[in-house]
Amino acid sequence: MGNICGKSEAEPFDSPGRVLGSAPPPGPRTAPVPNKVGGPPRTLGGSSSPEASSRDQSDARAKAAEAAEARAKASVKSGGKLQTQLTERQKADLRTTVARDAKMTAEQRAADNAKQNLDYN
């Protein structure tokens, strides 16, 4: 009877090996490395001249400002008839609130002046 988990080969060193001192078998050849990868070396982040870099920065700032304006305009778009009515009502409510506060302030001032006149006399 044989081993259930074992291999069918009798000895692990049955295969022919190589003689001591002989060279290993040659491996696969690799592709040659190119001498030059690309063009001239470049620095990251733009050109090296200060005028060009400041021009690039101002262009980037201008583009960012334009994008911010476009986002602001898109967020303020009108919502149609109901949105217009709501906006008008809010403005009217604000106007009436301001007018009511102004009237109350004027009445309070008049009452304070009347009291001051009575106290003085």
Protein backbone atom coordinates (compact mmCIF):
# COMPACT_ATOMS: atom_id res chain seq x y z
CA MET A 1 0.00 0.00 0.00
CA GLY A 2 1.13 3.52 -0.79
CA ASN A 3 0.86 6.89 0.81
CA ILE A 4 -2.45 8.66 0.03
CA CYS A 5 -1.00 12.19 0.21
CA GLY A 6 2.37 11.43 -1.33
CA LYS A 7 3.58 11.64 -4.91
CA SER A 8 3.97 8.70 -7.18
CA GLU A 9 7.72 9.39 -7.61
CA ALA A 10 9.94 7.29 -5.45
CA GLU A 11 12.85 9.68 -4.75
CA PRO A 12 13.01 13.49 -4.90
CA PHE A 13 16.51 13.44 -6.42
CA ASP A 14 15.80 11.00 -9.25
CA SER A 15 15.81 13.73 -11.93
CA PRO A 16 19.17 14.49 -13.56
CA GLY A 17 20.90 17.59 -12.16
CA ARG A 18 24.03 19.39 -13.21
CA VAL A 19 27.61 18.86 -12.33
CA LEU A 20 29.27 20.93 -9.64
CA GLY A 21 31.03 23.93 -11.22
CA SER A 22 28.92 24.07 -14.36
CA ALA A 23 27.02 27.21 -15.38
CA PRO A 24 23.27 27.52 -14.83
CA PRO A 25 21.04 27.29 -17.88
CA PRO A 26 20.73 30.60 -19.78
CA GLY A 27 17.67 32.69 -18.84
CA PRO A 28 15.39 34.59 -21.21
CA ARG A 29 16.89 37.66 -22.90
CA THR A 30 15.47 41.05 -21.86
CA ALA A 31 14.89 44.03 -24.08
CA PRO A 32 17.69 46.60 -24.15
CA VAL A 33 17.12 49.76 -22.11
CA PRO A 34 16.87 52.90 -24.29
CA ASN A 35 19.60 55.49 -23.74
CA LYS A 36 17.34 58.55 -23.90
CA VAL A 37 13.77 58.50 -22.60
CA GLY A 38 12.41 61.81 -23.87
CA GLY A 39 13.37 65.32 -24.88
CA PRO A 40 15.09 67.90 -22.72
CA PRO A 41 14.40 67.86 -18.98
CA ARG A 42 11.41 69.89 -17.81
CA THR A 43 10.51 71.30 -14.42
CA LEU A 44 7.11 70.63 -12.95
CA GLY A 45 4.64 73.47 -12.51
CA GLY A 46 5.14 75.48 -15.68
CA SER A 47 7.91 77.32 -17.45
CA SER A 48 11.08 78.59 -15.83
CA SER A 49 10.77 82.26 -16.83
CA PRO A 50 9.19 84.52 -14.18
CA GLU A 51 7.13 86.50 -16.72
CA ALA A 52 5.54 83.35 -18.10
CA SER A 53 4.80 81.95 -14.65
CA SER A 54 3.13 85.20 -13.50
CA ARG A 55 1.15 85.26 -16.76
CA ASP A 56 0.06 81.66 -16.14
CA GLN A 57 -0.96 82.53 -12.58
CA SER A 58 -3.00 85.53 -13.72
CA ASP A 59 -4.65 83.39 -16.42
CA ALA A 60 -5.50 80.76 -13.83
CA ARG A 61 -6.93 83.40 -11.49
CA ALA A 62 -9.01 84.89 -14.30
CA LYS A 63 -10.37 81.47 -15.24
CA ALA A 64 -11.19 80.71 -11.61
CA ALA A 65 -12.98 84.06 -11.26
CA GLU A 66 -15.00 83.42 -14.42
CA ALA A 67 -15.98 79.97 -13.14
CA ALA A 68 -17.05 81.44 -9.80
CA GLU A 69 -19.18 84.07 -11.55
CA ALA A 70 -20.80 81.39 -13.71
CA ARG A 71 -21.63 79.33 -10.61
CA ALA A 72 -23.08 82.40 -8.88
CA LYS A 73 -25.25 83.26 -11.89
CA ALA A 74 -26.45 79.67 -12.14
CA SER A 75 -27.50 79.63 -8.49
CA VAL A 76 -29.53 82.87 -8.83
CA LYS A 77 -31.62 81.67 -11.78
CA SER A 78 -35.32 82.40 -11.69
CA GLY A 79 -37.61 79.57 -10.69
CA GLY A 80 -40.66 80.51 -12.73
CA LYS A 81 -44.00 82.04 -11.85
CA LEU A 82 -44.30 80.69 -8.30
CA GLN A 83 -40.74 81.65 -7.41
CA THR A 84 -41.38 85.18 -8.70
CA GLN A 85 -44.57 85.45 -6.62
CA LEU A 86 -42.76 84.19 -3.51
CA THR A 87 -39.92 86.66 -4.01
CA GLU A 88 -42.37 89.56 -4.43
CA ARG A 89 -44.27 88.52 -1.30
CA GLN A 90 -41.07 88.32 0.71
CA LYS A 91 -40.07 91.78 -0.51
CA ALA A 92 -43.53 93.14 0.38
CA ASP A 93 -43.35 91.53 3.83
CA LEU A 94 -39.93 93.07 4.34
CA ARG A 95 -41.20 96.49 3.24
CA THR A 96 -44.21 96.35 5.59
CA THR A 97 -42.02 95.17 8.46
CA VAL A 98 -39.55 98.00 7.93
CA ALA A 99 -42.38 100.54 7.63
CA ARG A 100 -44.06 99.24 10.79
CA ASP A 101 -40.76 99.39 12.72
CA ALA A 102 -40.12 102.93 11.47
CA LYS A 103 -43.63 103.99 12.53
CA MET A 104 -43.21 102.44 15.99
CA THR A 105 -39.84 104.14 16.42
CA ALA A 106 -41.32 107.51 15.45
CA GLU A 107 -44.25 107.04 17.86
CA GLN A 108 -41.86 106.07 20.65
CA ARG A 109 -39.72 109.14 19.97
CA ALA A 110 -42.80 111.36 20.04
CA ALA A 111 -43.91 109.82 23.34
CA ASP A 112 -40.44 110.29 24.83
CA ASN A 113 -40.41 113.94 23.72
CA ALA A 114 -43.88 114.51 25.21
CA LYS A 115 -42.82 112.97 28.52
CA GLN A 116 -39.66 115.04 28.55
CA ASN A 117 -41.72 118.22 27.96
CA LEU A 118 -44.13 117.31 30.78
CA ASP A 119 -41.27 116.57 33.17
CA TYR A 120 -39.58 119.85 32.33
CA ASN A 121 -42.69 121.98 32.88
